[in-house]
């Protein structure tokens, strides 16, 4: 049974598989020495969410296609796919894995984890902004800030901002009932 804490509906325990067709990572950043805004998306490849009891024992693992970076500018996208930024030929996948889940005093939740891009892992915090369930479907949104320098992506200083604001919208379907195991991918 789902319970509600603050603005977040705690889903029933179990393992949920992310639905790539209904999940996306959107980003906003600045360019041209902060004078312009760049928006775009990444496609979610796969992932699992394991809801535990207590909820602070829950975990998330997700994979994003690095080559799916799309800002609407073919030239910019080509640059970001290249060795200058993501180097998608060598590092085709970006991953996120929770290290822990923390409940805030206002009832909201934060996913503390490691984002690995271009083969370099760095800590990131994602604030869960909504979570709802309908039957076996979990819908979740979260947001955070990614420091590209923390991943060794330092090209075009000044021309491309250091930080990206990300908004995650994900849908997942429960595939197992309650268990004490972490997602298969997270145990790797």
Protein backbone atom coordinates (compact mmCIF):
# COMPACT_ATOMS: atom_id res chain seq x y z
CA UNK A 1 0.00 0.00 0.00
CA UNK A 2 1.30 3.44 -0.89
CA UNK A 3 1.67 6.07 1.82
CA UNK A 4 2.03 9.82 1.50
CA UNK A 5 4.82 11.89 3.04
CA UNK A 6 4.71 15.61 2.30
CA UNK A 7 4.21 15.97 -1.49
CA UNK A 8 5.56 12.48 -2.20
CA UNK A 9 3.48 9.31 -2.35
CA UNK A 10 5.69 6.47 -1.10
CA UNK A 11 5.10 3.57 -3.51
CA UNK A 12 4.55 -0.01 -2.41
CA UNK A 13 7.75 -1.96 -1.77
CA UNK A 14 9.23 -4.01 -4.57
CA UNK A 15 11.38 -3.64 -7.67
CA UNK A 16 10.23 -1.40 -10.54
CA UNK A 17 11.72 -1.44 -14.06
CA UNK A 18 12.08 1.92 -15.81
CA UNK A 19 10.15 2.36 -19.05
CA UNK A 20 12.56 4.06 -21.51
CA UNK A 21 9.69 5.15 -23.78
CA UNK A 22 8.11 7.11 -20.91
CA UNK A 23 11.25 8.38 -19.18
CA UNK A 24 13.55 11.26 -20.06
CA UNK A 25 16.26 13.52 -18.70
CA UNK A 26 15.89 17.17 -19.68
CA UNK A 27 18.63 19.72 -19.09
CA UNK A 28 19.12 23.46 -19.11
CA UNK A 29 22.48 25.20 -19.18
CA UNK A 30 24.05 28.47 -20.29
CA UNK A 31 26.44 29.19 -23.15
CA UNK A 32 28.21 32.15 -24.74
CA UNK A 33 29.62 33.36 -21.40
CA UNK A 34 26.21 33.05 -19.75
CA UNK A 35 24.28 35.13 -22.29
CA UNK A 36 22.32 32.29 -23.89
CA UNK A 37 20.28 29.32 -22.69
CA UNK A 38 20.64 25.79 -24.04
CA UNK A 39 17.91 23.21 -23.43
CA UNK A 40 17.79 19.60 -24.46
CA UNK A 41 17.26 15.99 -23.53
CA UNK A 42 18.90 12.62 -23.04
CA UNK A 43 17.10 9.29 -23.54
CA UNK A 44 16.87 6.85 -20.65
CA UNK A 45 18.12 3.42 -21.72
CA UNK A 46 17.17 1.27 -18.73
CA UNK A 47 17.02 1.16 -14.97
CA UNK A 48 15.50 -0.17 -11.79
CA UNK A 49 13.99 1.36 -8.67
CA UNK A 50 13.87 -0.81 -5.53
CA UNK A 51 11.50 0.51 -2.88
CA UNK A 52 12.39 -0.88 0.54
CA UNK A 53 10.97 -0.72 4.04
CA UNK A 54 12.14 1.56 5.49
CA UNK A 55 12.11 3.81 2.43
CA UNK A 56 15.59 5.12 3.28
CA UNK A 57 16.87 1.67 2.26
CA UNK A 58 15.55 2.11 -1.29
CA UNK A 59 17.84 2.33 -4.32
CA UNK A 60 17.89 3.51 -7.92
CA UNK A 61 20.06 2.53 -10.87
CA UNK A 62 19.63 4.11 -14.30
CA UNK A 63 21.48 4.12 -17.62
CA UNK A 64 21.28 6.96 -20.14
CA UNK A 65 22.38 6.79 -23.79
CA UNK A 66 25.19 9.39 -23.97
CA UNK A 67 24.71 9.63 -27.73
CA UNK A 68 21.07 10.63 -27.28
CA UNK A 69 22.12 14.16 -26.23
CA UNK A 70 19.83 16.43 -28.25
CA UNK A 71 19.84 20.22 -27.99
CA UNK A 72 18.18 20.92 -31.34
CA UNK A 73 21.47 22.09 -32.87
CA UNK A 74 23.19 19.45 -35.02
CA UNK A 75 26.54 21.26 -34.78
CA UNK A 76 26.36 21.57 -30.97
CA UNK A 77 25.16 17.98 -30.61
CA UNK A 78 28.07 16.75 -32.76
CA UNK A 79 30.51 18.67 -30.53
CA UNK A 80 28.97 17.27 -27.33
CA UNK A 81 29.11 13.71 -28.74
CA UNK A 82 32.81 14.19 -29.63
CA UNK A 83 35.97 13.75 -27.54
CA UNK A 84 35.67 17.41 -26.50
CA UNK A 85 32.74 16.57 -24.21
CA UNK A 86 31.04 13.17 -23.75
CA UNK A 87 33.21 11.08 -26.12
CA UNK A 88 30.25 8.79 -26.83
CA UNK A 89 32.25 6.35 -28.97
CA UNK A 90 34.35 5.40 -25.95
CA UNK A 91 31.73 6.08 -23.22
CA UNK A 92 28.29 5.30 -24.69
CA UNK A 93 26.48 5.10 -21.35
CA UNK A 94 25.98 7.56 -18.49
CA UNK A 95 24.92 5.89 -15.22
CA UNK A 96 23.33 6.98 -11.96
CA UNK A 97 23.42 4.79 -8.85
CA UNK A 98 22.11 5.80 -5.45
CA UNK A 99 24.41 5.61 -2.46
CA UNK A 100 21.57 6.45 -0.07
CA UNK A 101 18.11 7.96 0.17
CA UNK A 102 17.43 10.74 2.66
CA UNK A 103 14.10 12.09 3.90
CA UNK A 104 14.14 15.84 4.53
CA UNK A 105 12.40 17.44 7.52
CA UNK A 106 9.71 18.86 5.20
CA UNK A 107 8.77 15.33 4.04
CA UNK A 108 10.54 15.50 0.69
CA UNK A 109 13.17 12.99 -0.43
CA UNK A 110 16.70 13.30 -1.82
CA UNK A 111 18.54 10.64 -3.80
CA UNK A 112 22.26 10.87 -3.04
CA UNK A 113 24.31 8.97 -5.56
CA UNK A 114 27.05 8.75 -8.12
CA UNK A 115 26.65 9.95 -11.68
CA UNK A 116 29.24 8.44 -14.03
CA UNK A 117 29.84 10.28 -17.30
CA UNK A 118 32.82 9.85 -19.58
CA UNK A 119 34.05 7.10 -17.26
CA UNK A 120 34.31 9.42 -14.22
CA UNK A 121 31.97 9.11 -11.24
CA UNK A 122 31.04 12.14 -9.16
CA UNK A 123 28.47 12.72 -6.41
CA UNK A 124 25.10 14.21 -7.30
CA UNK A 125 21.96 14.94 -5.29
CA UNK A 126 18.55 14.61 -6.90
CA UNK A 127 15.54 16.11 -5.14
CA UNK A 128 12.42 14.02 -5.70
CA UNK A 129 9.79 16.60 -6.67
CA UNK A 130 6.89 14.19 -7.15
CA UNK A 131 6.13 10.50 -6.86
CA UNK A 132 2.80 8.84 -7.50
CA UNK A 133 1.56 5.33 -8.09
CA UNK A 134 -1.36 3.95 -10.05
CA UNK A 135 -1.62 0.20 -9.77
CA UNK A 136 1.86 -1.19 -10.47
CA UNK A 137 3.05 2.01 -12.23
CA UNK A 138 5.36 4.46 -10.46
CA UNK A 139 5.72 7.98 -11.87
CA UNK A 140 8.53 10.07 -10.45
CA UNK A 141 10.14 13.42 -11.14
CA UNK A 142 13.42 14.65 -9.69
CA UNK A 143 15.80 17.53 -10.26
CA UNK A 144 19.40 18.39 -9.54
CA UNK A 145 22.56 20.06 -10.75
CA UNK A 146 25.45 18.33 -12.53
CA UNK A 147 28.96 19.79 -12.54
CA UNK A 148 30.53 18.70 -15.84
CA UNK A 149 34.03 19.57 -14.57
CA UNK A 150 33.63 16.84 -11.90
CA UNK A 151 33.53 14.36 -14.79
CA UNK A 152 36.61 15.74 -16.52
CA UNK A 153 34.50 17.50 -19.16
CA UNK A 154 36.25 20.85 -19.14
CA UNK A 155 36.37 21.91 -22.79
CA UNK A 156 35.09 25.27 -23.98
CA UNK A 157 35.33 27.03 -20.60
CA UNK A 158 33.30 30.19 -20.84
CA UNK A 159 31.58 29.12 -24.03
CA UNK A 160 29.74 26.28 -22.28
CA UNK A 161 28.57 26.53 -18.68
CA UNK A 162 30.12 24.40 -15.98
CA UNK A 163 26.79 23.25 -14.52
CA UNK A 164 23.65 21.75 -16.01
CA UNK A 165 20.28 21.76 -14.29
CA UNK A 166 18.56 18.44 -14.91
CA UNK A 167 14.90 17.46 -14.66
CA UNK A 168 14.12 13.75 -14.67
CA UNK A 169 10.72 12.37 -15.51
CA UNK A 170 10.45 8.61 -15.19
CA UNK A 171 7.84 5.91 -15.32
CA UNK A 172 8.46 2.42 -13.96
CA UNK A 173 6.43 -0.76 -13.57
CA UNK A 174 6.61 -3.01 -10.52
CA UNK A 175 8.06 -6.38 -11.51
CA UNK A 176 8.58 -7.95 -8.09
CA UNK A 177 6.79 -7.85 -4.80
CA UNK A 178 8.56 -6.82 -1.60
CA UNK A 179 12.06 -8.15 -1.12
CA UNK A 180 15.15 -7.20 0.80
CA UNK A 181 17.34 -7.19 -2.31
CA UNK A 182 18.73 -4.21 -4.15
CA UNK A 183 18.18 -4.00 -7.93
CA UNK A 184 20.20 -6.49 -9.96
CA UNK A 185 22.09 -3.74 -11.81
CA UNK A 186 22.89 -1.93 -8.54
CA UNK A 187 24.62 -5.02 -7.15
CA UNK A 188 27.14 -5.08 -10.00
